[in-house]
PDB file of N, CA and C in Angstrom:
ATOM      1  N   MET A   1       0.961  -1.024  -0.266  1.00  0.00           N
ATOM      2  CA  MET A   1      -0.333   0.018  -0.204  1.00  0.00           C
ATOM      3  C   MET A   1       0.552   1.245  -0.114  1.00  0.00           C
ATOM      4  N   TYR A   2       1.594   1.509   1.023  1.00  0.00           N
ATOM      5  CA  TYR A   2       2.950   2.627   0.890  1.00  0.00           C
ATOM      6  C   TYR A   2       3.123   3.064  -0.687  1.00  0.00           C
ATOM      7  N   ALA A   3       3.713   1.563  -1.353  1.00  0.00           N
ATOM      8  CA  ALA A   3       4.177   1.832  -2.705  1.00  0.00           C
ATOM      9  C   ALA A   3       2.643   2.552  -3.611  1.00  0.00           C
ATOM     10  N   GLN A   4       2.204   2.341  -3.800  1.00  0.00           N
ATOM     11  CA  GLN A   4       1.022   2.692  -4.353  1.00  0.00           C
ATOM     12  C   GLN A   4       0.278   4.027  -4.147  1.00  0.00           C
ATOM     13  N   GLN A   5       0.613   4.487  -2.829  1.00  0.00           N
ATOM     14  CA  GLN A   5      -0.045   6.023  -2.035  1.00  0.00           C
ATOM     15  C   GLN A   5       1.656   6.943  -2.700  1.00  0.00           C
ATOM     16  N   LEU A   6       2.912   5.983  -2.806  1.00  0.00           N
ATOM     17  CA  LEU A   6       4.171   7.098  -2.962  1.00  0.00           C
ATOM     18  C   LEU A   6       4.148   6.949  -4.445  1.00  0.00           C
ATOM     19  N   GLN A   7       3.712   5.943  -5.495  1.00  0.00           N
ATOM     20  CA  GLN A   7       4.269   6.084  -6.429  1.00  0.00           C
ATOM     21  C   GLN A   7       2.363   7.264  -6.625  1.00  0.00           C
ATOM     22  N   ALA A   8       1.314   7.503  -6.570  1.00  0.00           N
ATOM     23  CA  ALA A   8       0.042   8.518  -6.978  1.00  0.00           C
ATOM     24  C   ALA A   8       1.017   9.823  -6.460  1.00  0.00           C
ATOM     25  N   TYR A   9       1.500  10.054  -5.543  1.00  0.00           N
ATOM     26  CA  TYR A   9       2.367  11.911  -5.100  1.00  0.00           C
ATOM     27  C   TYR A   9       3.039  12.101  -5.739  1.00  0.00           C
ATOM     28  N   ARG A  10       4.302  11.141  -6.447  1.00  0.00           N
ATOM     29  CA  ARG A  10       4.570  10.920  -7.222  1.00  0.00           C
ATOM     30  C   ARG A  10       3.952  11.202  -8.388  1.00  0.00           C
ATOM     31  N   ASN A  11       2.992  10.505  -9.582  1.00  0.00           N
ATOM     32  CA  ASN A  11       2.287  11.564 -10.290  1.00  0.00           C
ATOM     33  C   ASN A  11       2.163  12.105 -10.308  1.00  0.00           C
ATOM     34  N   VAL A  12       0.811  12.929  -9.076  1.00  0.00           N
ATOM     35  CA  VAL A  12       0.724  14.580  -8.995  1.00  0.00           C
ATOM     36  C   VAL A  12       1.894  15.147  -9.256  1.00  0.00           C
ATOM     37  N   GLU A  13       3.193  15.125  -8.351  1.00  0.00           N
ATOM     38  CA  GLU A  13       3.741  16.162  -8.142  1.00  0.00           C
ATOM     39  C   GLU A  13       4.505  15.854  -9.474  1.00  0.00           C
ATOM     40  N   LYS A  14       4.642  14.861 -10.460  1.00  0.00           N
ATOM     41  CA  LYS A  14       5.045  15.918 -12.367  1.00  0.00           C
ATOM     42  C   LYS A  14       4.142  16.391 -12.580  1.00  0.00           C
ATOM     43  N   SER A  15       2.906  16.716 -12.044  1.00  0.00           N
ATOM     44  CA  SER A  15       2.436  17.254 -12.864  1.00  0.00           C
ATOM     45  C   SER A  15       1.363  18.882 -12.329  1.00  0.00           C
ATOM     46  N   THR A  16       2.803  19.232 -11.338  1.00  0.00           N
ATOM     47  CA  THR A  16       1.781  20.002 -10.846  1.00  0.00           C
ATOM     48  C   THR A  16       3.215  21.097 -10.400  1.00  0.00           C
ATOM     49  N   ILE A  17       4.726  20.646 -10.915  1.00  0.00           N
ATOM     50  CA  ILE A  17       5.944  21.635 -10.720  1.00  0.00           C
ATOM     51  C   ILE A  17       5.576  22.771 -11.199  1.00  0.00           C
ATOM     52  N   SER A  18       5.424  24.073 -10.717  1.00  0.00           N
ATOM     53  CA  SER A  18       5.334  24.969 -11.731  1.00  0.00           C
ATOM     54  C   SER A  18       6.446  25.842 -11.474  1.00  0.00           C
ATOM     55  N   ASP A  19       6.997  26.195 -10.192  1.00  0.00           N
ATOM     56  CA  ASP A  19       8.013  26.506  -9.670  1.00  0.00           C
ATOM     57  C   ASP A  19       8.704  26.760  -8.651  1.00  0.00           C
ATOM     58  N   GLY A  20       9.070  27.355  -8.043  1.00  0.00           N
ATOM     59  CA  GLY A  20      10.452  26.418  -6.555  1.00  0.00           C
ATOM     60  C   GLY A  20       9.764  26.686  -5.634  1.00  0.00           C
ATOM     61  N   ARG A  21       8.507  27.596  -5.459  1.00  0.00           N
ATOM     62  CA  ARG A  21       7.913  27.308  -4.465  1.00  0.00           C
ATOM     63  C   ARG A  21       6.992  25.926  -4.111  1.00  0.00           C
ATOM     64  N   GLU A  22       6.437  25.855  -5.268  1.00  0.00           N
ATOM     65  CA  GLU A  22       5.445  24.668  -4.911  1.00  0.00           C
ATOM     66  C   GLU A  22       6.639  23.704  -4.834  1.00  0.00           C
ATOM     67  N   VAL A  23       7.796  23.267  -5.424  1.00  0.00           N
ATOM     68  CA  VAL A  23       8.563  22.055  -5.332  1.00  0.00           C
ATOM     69  C   VAL A  23       8.666  22.389  -3.948  1.00  0.00           C
ATOM     70  N   GLU A  24       9.255  23.532  -3.221  1.00  0.00           N
ATOM     71  CA  GLU A  24       9.254  23.595  -1.885  1.00  0.00           C
ATOM     72  C   GLU A  24       7.724  22.959  -0.854  1.00  0.00           C
ATOM     73  N   ALA A  25       6.617  23.787  -1.235  1.00  0.00           N
ATOM     74  CA  ALA A  25       5.689  22.898  -0.738  1.00  0.00           C
ATOM     75  C   ALA A  25       5.433  21.221  -0.841  1.00  0.00           C
ATOM     76  N   LEU A  26       5.593  20.971  -2.275  1.00  0.00           N
ATOM     77  CA  LEU A  26       4.982  19.669  -2.775  1.00  0.00           C
ATOM     78  C   LEU A  26       6.859  18.500  -1.498  1.00  0.00           C
ATOM     79  N   VAL A  27       7.370  19.489  -1.566  1.00  0.00           N
ATOM     80  CA  VAL A  27       8.868  18.256  -0.828  1.00  0.00           C
ATOM     81  C   VAL A  27       8.481  18.483   0.665  1.00  0.00           C
ATOM     82  N   LEU A  28       8.017  19.827   0.957  1.00  0.00           N
ATOM     83  CA  LEU A  28       6.860  19.079   3.000  1.00  0.00           C
ATOM     84  C   LEU A  28       5.681  17.804   2.259  1.00  0.00           C
ATOM     85  N   THR A  29       4.953  18.403   1.264  1.00  0.00           N
ATOM     86  CA  THR A  29       3.638  17.261   1.824  1.00  0.00           C
ATOM     87  C   THR A  29       4.228  16.077   1.247  1.00  0.00           C
ATOM     88  N   LYS A  30       5.500  15.750   0.791  1.00  0.00           N
ATOM     89  CA  LYS A  30       6.481  14.211   1.077  1.00  0.00           C
ATOM     90  C   LYS A  30       6.671  14.320   2.085  1.00  0.00           C
ATOM     91  N   ALA A  31       7.308  14.603   3.132  1.00  0.00           N
ATOM     92  CA  ALA A  31       7.673  14.392   4.179  1.00  0.00           C
ATOM     93  C   ALA A  31       6.941  14.109   4.996  1.00  0.00           C
ATOM     94  N   ALA A  32       5.998  15.493   5.065  1.00  0.00           N
ATOM     95  CA  ALA A  32       4.686  15.440   6.378  1.00  0.00           C
ATOM     96  C   ALA A  32       4.375  13.367   5.360  1.00  0.00           C
ATOM     97  N   TYR A  33       4.524  13.394   4.671  1.00  0.00           N
ATOM     98  CA  TYR A  33       3.011  12.126   4.047  1.00  0.00           C
ATOM     99  C   TYR A  33       4.456  11.449   4.301  1.00  0.00           C
ATOM    100  N   LEU A  34       5.590  10.695   5.000  1.00  0.00           N
ATOM    101  CA  LEU A  34       6.231  10.057   5.490  1.00  0.00           C
ATOM    102  C   LEU A  34       6.016   9.679   7.179  1.00  0.00           C
ATOM    103  N   LEU A  35       5.712  10.947   7.575  1.00  0.00           N
ATOM    104  CA  LEU A  35       6.193  10.505   9.197  1.00  0.00           C
ATOM    105  C   LEU A  35       4.541  10.308   9.359  1.00  0.00           C
ATOM    106  N   THR A  36       3.747  11.012   8.254  1.00  0.00           N
ATOM    107  CA  THR A  36       1.632   9.865   8.413  1.00  0.00           C
ATOM    108  C   THR A  36       2.335   8.901   8.971  1.00  0.00           C
ATOM    109  N   TYR A  37       2.931   8.082   7.225  1.00  0.00           N
ATOM    110  CA  TYR A  37       2.940   7.202   7.820  1.00  0.00           C
ATOM    111  C   TYR A  37       3.123   6.210   8.510  1.00  0.00           C
ATOM    112  N   CYS A  38       4.558   7.052   8.994  1.00  0.00           N
ATOM    113  CA  CYS A  38       5.190   6.261  10.434  1.00  0.00           C
ATOM    114  C   CYS A  38       3.538   6.577  11.805  1.00  0.00           C
ATOM    115  N   VAL A  39       3.258   7.622  11.757  1.00  0.00           N
ATOM    116  CA  VAL A  39       2.583   7.314  12.682  1.00  0.00           C
ATOM    117  C   VAL A  39       1.277   6.371  12.855  1.00  0.00           C
ATOM    118  N   ASN A  40       1.035   5.803  11.667  1.00  0.00           N
ATOM    119  CA  ASN A  40      -0.241   5.407  10.900  1.00  0.00           C
ATOM    120  C   ASN A  40       0.549   3.506  11.306  1.00  0.00           C
ATOM    121  N   ASN A  41       1.614   3.705  11.228  1.00  0.00           N
ATOM    122  CA  ASN A  41       2.180   2.154  11.107  1.00  0.00           C
ATOM    123  C   ASN A  41       2.398   2.240  12.108  1.00  0.00           C
ATOM    124  N   TRP A  42       2.410   2.979  13.115  1.00  0.00           N
ATOM    125  CA  TRP A  42       3.449   2.938  14.671  1.00  0.00           C
ATOM    126  C   TRP A  42       3.811   0.840  15.293  1.00  0.00           C
ATOM    127  N   HIS A  43       3.252   0.624  14.725  1.00  0.00           N
ATOM    128  CA  HIS A  43       3.982  -0.902  15.303  1.00  0.00           C
ATOM    129  C   HIS A  43       3.685  -2.341  14.271  1.00  0.00           C
ATOM    130  N   ASP A  44       4.518  -1.013  12.865  1.00  0.00           N
ATOM    131  CA  ASP A  44       4.693  -2.283  12.208  1.00  0.00           C
ATOM    132  C   ASP A  44       6.661  -3.138  12.279  1.00  0.00           C
ATOM    133  N   PRO A  45       6.615  -4.218  11.936  1.00  0.00           N
ATOM    134  CA  PRO A  45       7.533  -4.930  11.730  1.00  0.00           C
ATOM    135  C   PRO A  45       8.969  -3.650  11.875  1.00  0.00           C
ATOM    136  N   GLU A  46       9.320  -2.643  10.231  1.00  0.00           N
ATOM    137  CA  GLU A  46       9.958  -1.851   9.571  1.00  0.00           C
ATOM    138  C   GLU A  46       9.692  -0.819   9.738  1.00  0.00           C
ATOM    139  N   ARG A  47       8.980  -0.323  10.883  1.00  0.00           N
ATOM    140  CA  ARG A  47       8.108   0.762  11.981  1.00  0.00           C
ATOM    141  C   ARG A  47       9.726   2.392  11.884  1.00  0.00           C
ATOM    142  N   HIS A  48      11.051   0.982  12.537  1.00  0.00           N
ATOM    143  CA  HIS A  48      12.234   1.765  12.465  1.00  0.00           C
ATOM    144  C   HIS A  48      12.664   2.527  11.054  1.00  0.00           C
ATOM    145  N   ALA A  49      13.359   1.420  10.469  1.00  0.00           N
ATOM    146  CA  ALA A  49      13.808   2.097   9.084  1.00  0.00           C
ATOM    147  C   ALA A  49      12.861   2.861   9.126  1.00  0.00           C
ATOM    148  N   LYS A  50      11.573   2.950   8.177  1.00  0.00           N
ATOM    149  CA  LYS A  50      10.367   3.776   8.155  1.00  0.00           C
ATOM    150  C   LYS A  50      10.575   5.272   8.914  1.00  0.00           C
ATOM    151  N   LEU A  51      10.667   4.700   9.830  1.00  0.00           N
ATOM    152  CA  LEU A  51      11.038   6.168  10.509  1.00  0.00           C
ATOM    153  C   LEU A  51      13.083   6.951  10.074  1.00  0.00           C
ATOM    154  N   ASP A  52      13.179   6.115  10.426  1.00  0.00           N
ATOM    155  CA  ASP A  52      14.424   7.191  10.128  1.00  0.00           C
ATOM    156  C   ASP A  52      14.712   7.402   8.463  1.00  0.00           C
ATOM    157  N   GLU A  53      13.713   6.833   7.747  1.00  0.00           N
ATOM    158  CA  GLU A  53      13.925   7.560   6.107  1.00  0.00           C
ATOM    159  C   GLU A  53      12.845   8.905   7.014  1.00  0.00           C
ATOM    160  N   ALA A  54      12.162   8.876   7.253  1.00  0.00           N
ATOM    161  CA  ALA A  54      10.981   9.496   7.346  1.00  0.00           C
ATOM    162  C   ALA A  54      11.960  10.996   8.446  1.00  0.00           C
ATOM    163  N   LEU A  55      12.339  10.842   8.941  1.00  0.00           N
ATOM    164  CA  LEU A  55      13.270  12.155   9.806  1.00  0.00           C
ATOM    165  C   LEU A  55      14.086  12.813   9.200  1.00  0.00           C
ATOM    166  N   ASN A  56      15.221  11.307   9.207  1.00  0.00           N
ATOM    167  CA  ASN A  56      16.109  11.237   7.614  1.00  0.00           C
ATOM    168  C   ASN A  56      15.934  12.786   6.313  1.00  0.00           C
ATOM    169  N   PHE A  57      14.858  12.248   5.545  1.00  0.00           N
ATOM    170  CA  PHE A  57      14.341  13.253   5.398  1.00  0.00           C
ATOM    171  C   PHE A  57      13.486  14.821   5.482  1.00  0.00           C
ATOM    172  N   ASN A  58      13.389  14.709   6.765  1.00  0.00           N
ATOM    173  CA  ASN A  58      12.852  15.828   7.169  1.00  0.00           C
ATOM    174  C   ASN A  58      13.419  17.169   7.400  1.00  0.00           C
ATOM    175  N   GLN A  59      15.124  16.351   7.542  1.00  0.00           N
ATOM    176  CA  GLN A  59      16.538  17.354   8.874  1.00  0.00           C
ATOM    177  C   GLN A  59      16.795  17.576   7.041  1.00  0.00           C
ATOM    178  N   THR A  60      16.749  16.667   6.728  1.00  0.00           N
ATOM    179  CA  THR A  60      17.705  17.381   4.852  1.00  0.00           C
ATOM    180  C   THR A  60      16.678  18.848   4.549  1.00  0.00           C
ATOM    181  N   ILE A  61      15.464  18.380   4.525  1.00  0.00           N
ATOM    182  CA  ILE A  61      15.235  19.468   3.910  1.00  0.00           C
ATOM    183  C   ILE A  61      14.693  20.894   4.977  1.00  0.00           C
ATOM    184  N   TRP A  62      14.706  20.667   5.947  1.00  0.00           N
ATOM    185  CA  TRP A  62      15.263  21.618   6.823  1.00  0.00           C
ATOM    186  C   TRP A  62      16.318  21.892   7.384  1.00  0.00           C
ATOM    187  N   THR A  63      17.176  21.926   6.716  1.00  0.00           N
ATOM    188  CA  THR A  63      18.976  21.997   6.932  1.00  0.00           C
ATOM    189  C   THR A  63      18.970  22.825   5.629  1.00  0.00           C
ATOM    190  N   ILE A  64      18.275  22.481   4.296  1.00  0.00           N
ATOM    191  CA  ILE A  64      18.652  22.717   3.364  1.00  0.00           C
ATOM    192  C   ILE A  64      17.598  24.668   3.355  1.00  0.00           C
ATOM    193  N   PHE A  65      16.454  24.315   3.567  1.00  0.00           N
ATOM    194  CA  PHE A  65      15.947  25.782   3.961  1.00  0.00           C
ATOM    195  C   PHE A  65      16.784  27.324   5.313  1.00  0.00           C
ATOM    196  N   GLN A  66      17.721  26.062   6.704  1.00  0.00           N
ATOM    197  CA  GLN A  66      18.537  27.439   6.637  1.00  0.00           C
ATOM    198  C   GLN A  66      19.762  27.809   6.052  1.00  0.00           C
ATOM    199  N   SER A  67      20.315  26.459   5.562  1.00  0.00           N
ATOM    200  CA  SER A  67      21.317  27.023   4.460  1.00  0.00           C
ATOM    201  C   SER A  67      20.904  28.736   3.438  1.00  0.00           C
ATOM    202  N   GLU A  68      19.570  28.520   3.104  1.00  0.00           N
ATOM    203  CA  GLU A  68      18.861  29.338   2.204  1.00  0.00           C
ATOM    204  C   GLU A  68      18.322  30.897   3.197  1.00  0.00           C
ATOM    205  N   LEU A  69      18.092  30.249   4.200  1.00  0.00           N
ATOM    206  CA  LEU A  69      17.571  31.711   5.165  1.00  0.00           C
ATOM    207  C   LEU A  69      18.709  32.151   5.319  1.00  0.00           C
ATOM    208  N   VAL A  70      19.979  31.775   5.695  1.00  0.00           N
ATOM    209  CA  VAL A  70      21.082  33.063   6.056  1.00  0.00           C
ATOM    210  C   VAL A  70      21.896  33.641   5.384  1.00  0.00           C
ATOM    211  N   LYS A  71      21.820  33.247   4.197  1.00  0.00           N
ATOM    212  CA  LYS A  71      22.113  33.486   2.300  1.00  0.00           C
ATOM    213  C   LYS A  71      21.574  35.281   2.668  1.00  0.00           C
ATOM    214  N   THR A  72      22.759  36.510   2.553  1.00  0.00           N
ATOM    215  CA  THR A  72      22.528  38.037   2.576  1.00  0.00           C
ATOM    216  C   THR A  72      21.561  38.152   1.614  1.00  0.00           C
ATOM    217  N   ASP A  73      21.543  37.324  -0.175  1.00  0.00           N
ATOM    218  CA  ASP A  73      21.062  37.236  -0.736  1.00  0.00           C
ATOM    219  C   ASP A  73      19.556  37.167  -0.960  1.00  0.00           C
ATOM    220  N   ASN A  74      18.959  36.061   0.184  1.00  0.00           N
ATOM    221  CA  ASN A  74      18.044  35.713  -0.216  1.00  0.00           C
ATOM    222  C   ASN A  74      16.688  36.769   0.141  1.00  0.00           C
ATOM    223  N   PRO A  75      15.437  36.457  -0.329  1.00  0.00           N
ATOM    224  CA  PRO A  75      14.436  37.480  -1.215  1.00  0.00           C
ATOM    225  C   PRO A  75      13.546  37.939   0.039  1.00  0.00           C
ATOM    226  N   LEU A  76      13.275  36.948   0.812  1.00  0.00           N
ATOM    227  CA  LEU A  76      12.540  37.000   2.089  1.00  0.00           C
ATOM    228  C   LEU A  76      12.787  38.608   2.978  1.00  0.00           C
ATOM    229  N   PRO A  77      11.379  38.427   3.392  1.00  0.00           N
ATOM    230  CA  PRO A  77      11.965  40.022   4.239  1.00  0.00           C
ATOM    231  C   PRO A  77      12.199  38.711   5.632  1.00  0.00           C
ATOM    232  N   GLN A  78      13.020  40.266   6.258  1.00  0.00           N
ATOM    233  CA  GLN A  78      14.722  39.560   7.374  1.00  0.00           C
ATOM    234  C   GLN A  78      13.569  38.611   8.374  1.00  0.00           C
ATOM    235  N   LYS A  79      12.057  38.977   8.969  1.00  0.00           N
ATOM    236  CA  LYS A  79      11.887  38.951  10.132  1.00  0.00           C
ATOM    237  C   LYS A  79      10.991  37.680   9.743  1.00  0.00           C
ATOM    238  N   ILE A  80      10.807  37.114   8.278  1.00  0.00           N
ATOM    239  CA  ILE A  80      10.182  35.897   7.964  1.00  0.00           C
ATOM    240  C   ILE A  80      11.535  35.037   8.346  1.00  0.00           C
ATOM    241  N   ARG A  81      12.274  35.398   7.907  1.00  0.00           N
ATOM    242  CA  ARG A  81      13.732  34.399   8.054  1.00  0.00           C
ATOM    243  C   ARG A  81      14.074  34.271   9.340  1.00  0.00           C
ATOM    244  N   GLU A  82      14.245  34.991   9.982  1.00  0.00           N
ATOM    245  CA  GLU A  82      14.148  34.941  11.244  1.00  0.00           C
ATOM    246  C   GLU A  82      13.154  34.178  12.564  1.00  0.00           C
ATOM    247  N   ASP A  83      11.996  33.931  11.670  1.00  0.00           N
ATOM    248  CA  ASP A  83      10.816  33.098  11.847  1.00  0.00           C
ATOM    249  C   ASP A  83      11.261  31.986  11.858  1.00  0.00           C
ATOM    250  N   LEU A  84      11.353  31.304  10.555  1.00  0.00           N
ATOM    251  CA  LEU A  84      11.722  30.899   9.281  1.00  0.00           C
ATOM    252  C   LEU A  84      12.657  29.929  10.417  1.00  0.00           C
ATOM    253  N   LEU A  85      13.831  30.758  10.695  1.00  0.00           N
ATOM    254  CA  LEU A  85      15.086  29.523  11.404  1.00  0.00           C
ATOM    255  C   LEU A  85      14.740  29.571  12.678  1.00  0.00           C
ATOM    256  N   SER A  86      14.113  29.979  13.025  1.00  0.00           N
ATOM    257  CA  SER A  86      13.802  30.209  14.976  1.00  0.00           C
ATOM    258  C   SER A  86      12.834  28.561  14.616  1.00  0.00           C
ATOM    259  N   LEU A  87      11.785  28.541  13.984  1.00  0.00           N
ATOM    260  CA  LEU A  87      11.066  26.958  13.602  1.00  0.00           C
ATOM    261  C   LEU A  87      12.109  25.709  12.738  1.00  0.00           C
ATOM    262  N   SER A  88      13.292  25.960  11.991  1.00  0.00           N
ATOM    263  CA  SER A  88      14.046  25.194  12.061  1.00  0.00           C
ATOM    264  C   SER A  88      14.184  24.573  12.728  1.00  0.00           C
ATOM    265  N   LEU A  89      15.112  25.253  14.592  1.00  0.00           N
ATOM    266  CA  LEU A  89      15.609  25.357  14.687  1.00  0.00           C
ATOM    267  C   LEU A  89      14.864  24.340  16.177  1.00  0.00           C
ATOM    268  N   PHE A  90      13.656  24.700  16.152  1.00  0.00           N
ATOM    269  CA  PHE A  90      12.377  23.581  16.638  1.00  0.00           C
ATOM    270  C   PHE A  90      12.695  22.139  15.957  1.00  0.00           C
ATOM    271  N   ILE A  91      12.062  22.204  14.754  1.00  0.00           N
ATOM    272  CA  ILE A  91      12.346  21.565  14.169  1.00  0.00           C
ATOM    273  C   ILE A  91      13.079  20.119  13.996  1.00  0.00           C
ATOM    274  N   ASP A  92      14.662  21.100  14.647  1.00  0.00           N
ATOM    275  CA  ASP A  92      16.033  19.711  14.386  1.00  0.00           C
ATOM    276  C   ASP A  92      15.840  19.393  15.722  1.00  0.00           C
ATOM    277  N   LYS A  93      15.955  19.671  17.379  1.00  0.00           N
ATOM    278  CA  LYS A  93      15.483  19.498  18.696  1.00  0.00           C
ATOM    279  C   LYS A  93      14.398  18.577  18.267  1.00  0.00           C
ATOM    280  N   ARG A  94      12.777  18.925  18.188  1.00  0.00           N
ATOM    281  CA  ARG A  94      12.498  18.026  17.713  1.00  0.00           C
ATOM    282  C   ARG A  94      12.882  16.723  17.274  1.00  0.00           C
ATOM    283  N   ILE A  95      12.939  16.934  16.072  1.00  0.00           N
ATOM    284  CA  ILE A  95      13.442  14.961  15.411  1.00  0.00           C
ATOM    285  C   ILE A  95      14.496  14.503  16.564  1.00  0.00           C
ATOM    286  N   MET A  96      15.579  15.398  16.720  1.00  0.00           N
ATOM    287  CA  MET A  96      16.662  14.942  17.737  1.00  0.00           C
ATOM    288  C   MET A  96      15.848  13.808  19.178  1.00  0.00           C
ATOM    289  N   ASP A  97      14.886  14.669  19.665  1.00  0.00           N
ATOM    290  CA  ASP A  97      14.063  13.463  20.894  1.00  0.00           C
ATOM    291  C   ASP A  97      13.090  12.925  20.103  1.00  0.00           C
ATOM    292  N   ILE A  98      12.948  12.492  18.828  1.00  0.00           N
ATOM    293  CA  ILE A  98      12.714  11.662  18.299  1.00  0.00           C
ATOM    294  C   ILE A  98      13.084  10.313  18.306  1.00  0.00           C
ATOM    295  N   MET A  99      14.382  10.729  17.529  1.00  0.00           N
ATOM    296  CA  MET A  99      15.528  10.271  17.410  1.00  0.00           C
ATOM    297  C   MET A  99      16.044   9.252  18.629  1.00  0.00           C
ATOM    298  N   ILE A 100      16.036   9.547  20.231  1.00  0.00           N
ATOM    299  CA  ILE A 100      16.206   9.500  21.391  1.00  0.00           C
ATOM    300  C   ILE A 100      15.496   8.186  21.987  1.00  0.00           C
ATOM    301  N   ALA A 101      13.738   9.335  22.231  1.00  0.00           N
ATOM    302  CA  ALA A 101      13.060   9.023  22.521  1.00  0.00           C
ATOM    303  C   ALA A 101      11.696   8.749  21.152  1.00  0.00           C
ATOM    304  N   PRO A 102      11.377   7.817  20.452  1.00  0.00           N
ATOM    305  CA  PRO A 102      10.584   7.581  19.670  1.00  0.00           C
ATOM    306  C   PRO A 102       9.297   7.549  19.779  1.00  0.00           C
ATOM    307  N   SER A 103       8.060   8.349  19.539  1.00  0.00           N
ATOM    308  CA  SER A 103       6.485   8.002  20.095  1.00  0.00           C
ATOM    309  C   SER A 103       6.156   8.400  19.072  1.00  0.00           C
ATOM    310  N   PRO A 104       4.988   8.493  18.721  1.00  0.00           N
ATOM    311  CA  PRO A 104       4.095   8.827  17.435  1.00  0.00           C
ATOM    312  C   PRO A 104       3.691  10.241  17.594  1.00  0.00           C
ATOM    313  N   GLU A 105       3.230  10.815  18.917  1.00  0.00           N
ATOM    314  CA  GLU A 105       2.976  12.067  18.915  1.00  0.00           C
ATOM    315  C   GLU A 105       3.549  12.835  18.901  1.00  0.00           C
ATOM    316  N   LYS A 106       4.871  12.649  19.108  1.00  0.00           N
ATOM    317  CA  LYS A 106       5.788  13.518  18.459  1.00  0.00           C
ATOM    318  C   LYS A 106       6.356  14.422  17.789  1.00  0.00           C
ATOM    319  N   LEU A 107       5.907  13.630  16.459  1.00  0.00           N
ATOM    320  CA  LEU A 107       5.661  13.140  15.026  1.00  0.00           C
ATOM    321  C   LEU A 107       4.532  14.358  15.128  1.00  0.00           C
ATOM    322  N   ASN A 108       3.732  14.505  15.580  1.00  0.00           N
ATOM    323  CA  ASN A 108       2.270  15.545  15.221  1.00  0.00           C
ATOM    324  C   ASN A 108       2.929  16.691  14.963  1.00  0.00           C
ATOM    325  N   ILE A 109       3.629  17.675  15.695  1.00  0.00           N
ATOM    326  CA  ILE A 109       3.558  19.177  15.184  1.00  0.00           C
ATOM    327  C   ILE A 109       4.787  19.218  14.488  1.00  0.00           C
ATOM    328  N   ILE A 110       5.648  18.368  13.564  1.00  0.00           N
ATOM    329  CA  ILE A 110       6.252  18.478  12.674  1.00  0.00           C
ATOM    330  C   ILE A 110       5.526  17.838  11.032  1.00  0.00           C
ATOM    331  N   ILE A 111       4.712  17.104  11.533  1.00  0.00           N
ATOM    332  CA  ILE A 111       3.649  17.186  10.660  1.00  0.00           C
ATOM    333  C   ILE A 111       2.847  18.661   9.911  1.00  0.00           C
ATOM    334  N   ASN A 112       2.348  18.846  11.307  1.00  0.00           N
ATOM    335  CA  ASN A 112       1.753  20.323  10.983  1.00  0.00           C
ATOM    336  C   ASN A 112       2.840  21.096  10.308  1.00  0.00           C
ATOM    337  N   ILE A 113       3.760  21.778  10.689  1.00  0.00           N
ATOM    338  CA  ILE A 113       4.202  22.376  10.652  1.00  0.00           C
ATOM    339  C   ILE A 113       4.715  22.560   9.045  1.00  0.00           C
ATOM    340  N   ASN A 114       4.874  21.275   8.471  1.00  0.00           N
ATOM    341  CA  ASN A 114       5.275  20.932   6.973  1.00  0.00           C
ATOM    342  C   ASN A 114       3.979  21.346   6.073  1.00  0.00           C
ATOM    343  N   LEU A 115       3.049  20.997   6.952  1.00  0.00           N
ATOM    344  CA  LEU A 115       1.835  21.532   6.087  1.00  0.00           C
ATOM    345  C   LEU A 115       1.134  22.543   5.466  1.00  0.00           C
ATOM    346  N   ASN A 116       1.899  23.044   6.852  1.00  0.00           N
ATOM    347  CA  ASN A 116       0.978  24.562   7.041  1.00  0.00           C
ATOM    348  C   ASN A 116       2.278  25.254   6.959  1.00  0.00           C
ATOM    349  N   ILE A 117       3.526  25.269   6.423  1.00  0.00           N
ATOM    350  CA  ILE A 117       4.041  26.187   5.215  1.00  0.00           C
ATOM    351  C   ILE A 117       4.320  25.161   3.856  1.00  0.00           C
ATOM    352  N   ALA A 118       3.705  24.206   3.679  1.00  0.00           N
ATOM    353  CA  ALA A 118       3.336  23.800   2.459  1.00  0.00           C
ATOM    354  C   ALA A 118       2.115  24.522   1.690  1.00  0.00           C
ATOM    355  N   ALA A 119       1.072  25.074   2.601  1.00  0.00           N
ATOM    356  CA  ALA A 119       0.371  25.472   1.946  1.00  0.00           C
ATOM    357  C   ALA A 119      -0.123  27.488   2.281  1.00  0.00           C
ATOM    358  N   GLY A 120       1.537  27.530   3.499  1.00  0.00           N
ATOM    359  CA  GLY A 120       1.083  28.753   2.980  1.00  0.00           C
ATOM    360  C   GLY A 120       2.339  29.873   1.242  1.00  0.00           C
ATOM    361  N   LEU A 121       3.241  28.304   1.416  1.00  0.00           N
ATOM    362  CA  LEU A 121       3.746  27.904  -0.266  1.00  0.00           C
ATOM    363  C   LEU A 121       3.193  28.508  -0.876  1.00  0.00           C
ATOM    364  N   ARG A 122       1.787  27.416  -1.050  1.00  0.00           N
ATOM    365  CA  ARG A 122       0.897  27.424  -2.194  1.00  0.00           C
ATOM    366  C   ARG A 122      -0.130  28.807  -2.522  1.00  0.00           C
ATOM    367  N   SER A 123      -0.040  29.247  -1.252  1.00  0.00           N
ATOM    368  CA  SER A 123      -1.076  30.539  -1.854  1.00  0.00           C
ATOM    369  C   SER A 123      -0.087  31.377  -2.489  1.00  0.00           C
ATOM    370  N   MET A 124       1.227  31.623  -2.177  1.00  0.00           N
ATOM    371  CA  MET A 124       2.153  32.418  -2.874  1.00  0.00           C
ATOM    372  C   MET A 124       2.370  31.837  -4.441  1.00  0.00           C
ATOM    373  N   SER A 125       2.400  30.760  -4.455  1.00  0.00           N
ATOM    374  CA  SER A 125       2.437  30.757  -6.239  1.00  0.00           C
ATOM    375  C   SER A 125       1.128  30.675  -6.829  1.00  0.00           C
TER     376      SER A 125
END
């Protein structure tokens, strides 16, 4: 089932990418989906591998965002950049916390943040 859902996501992704913000929104949505899968399948024997994959994917995304947000030529207003950097530090800490002591409830805040940021990016496109 996971493979079918991921393929459906990829098909939609290929047909909807229009600009950089949309790509970011799609990546955040995928990250949220990977975490949601873990929450919904917490007792699955492959949970540890799926959780590692989802956390690493999320960490990579937010690390890329961090590197873009600190660039002096970043076009976002300073306040938005600062807020997003603060948010990214929170996500870093949450990911580390989940790696140390996994629990499905801890994933929900990252899922919600990813989906809300993705929705905001889509509204700007």
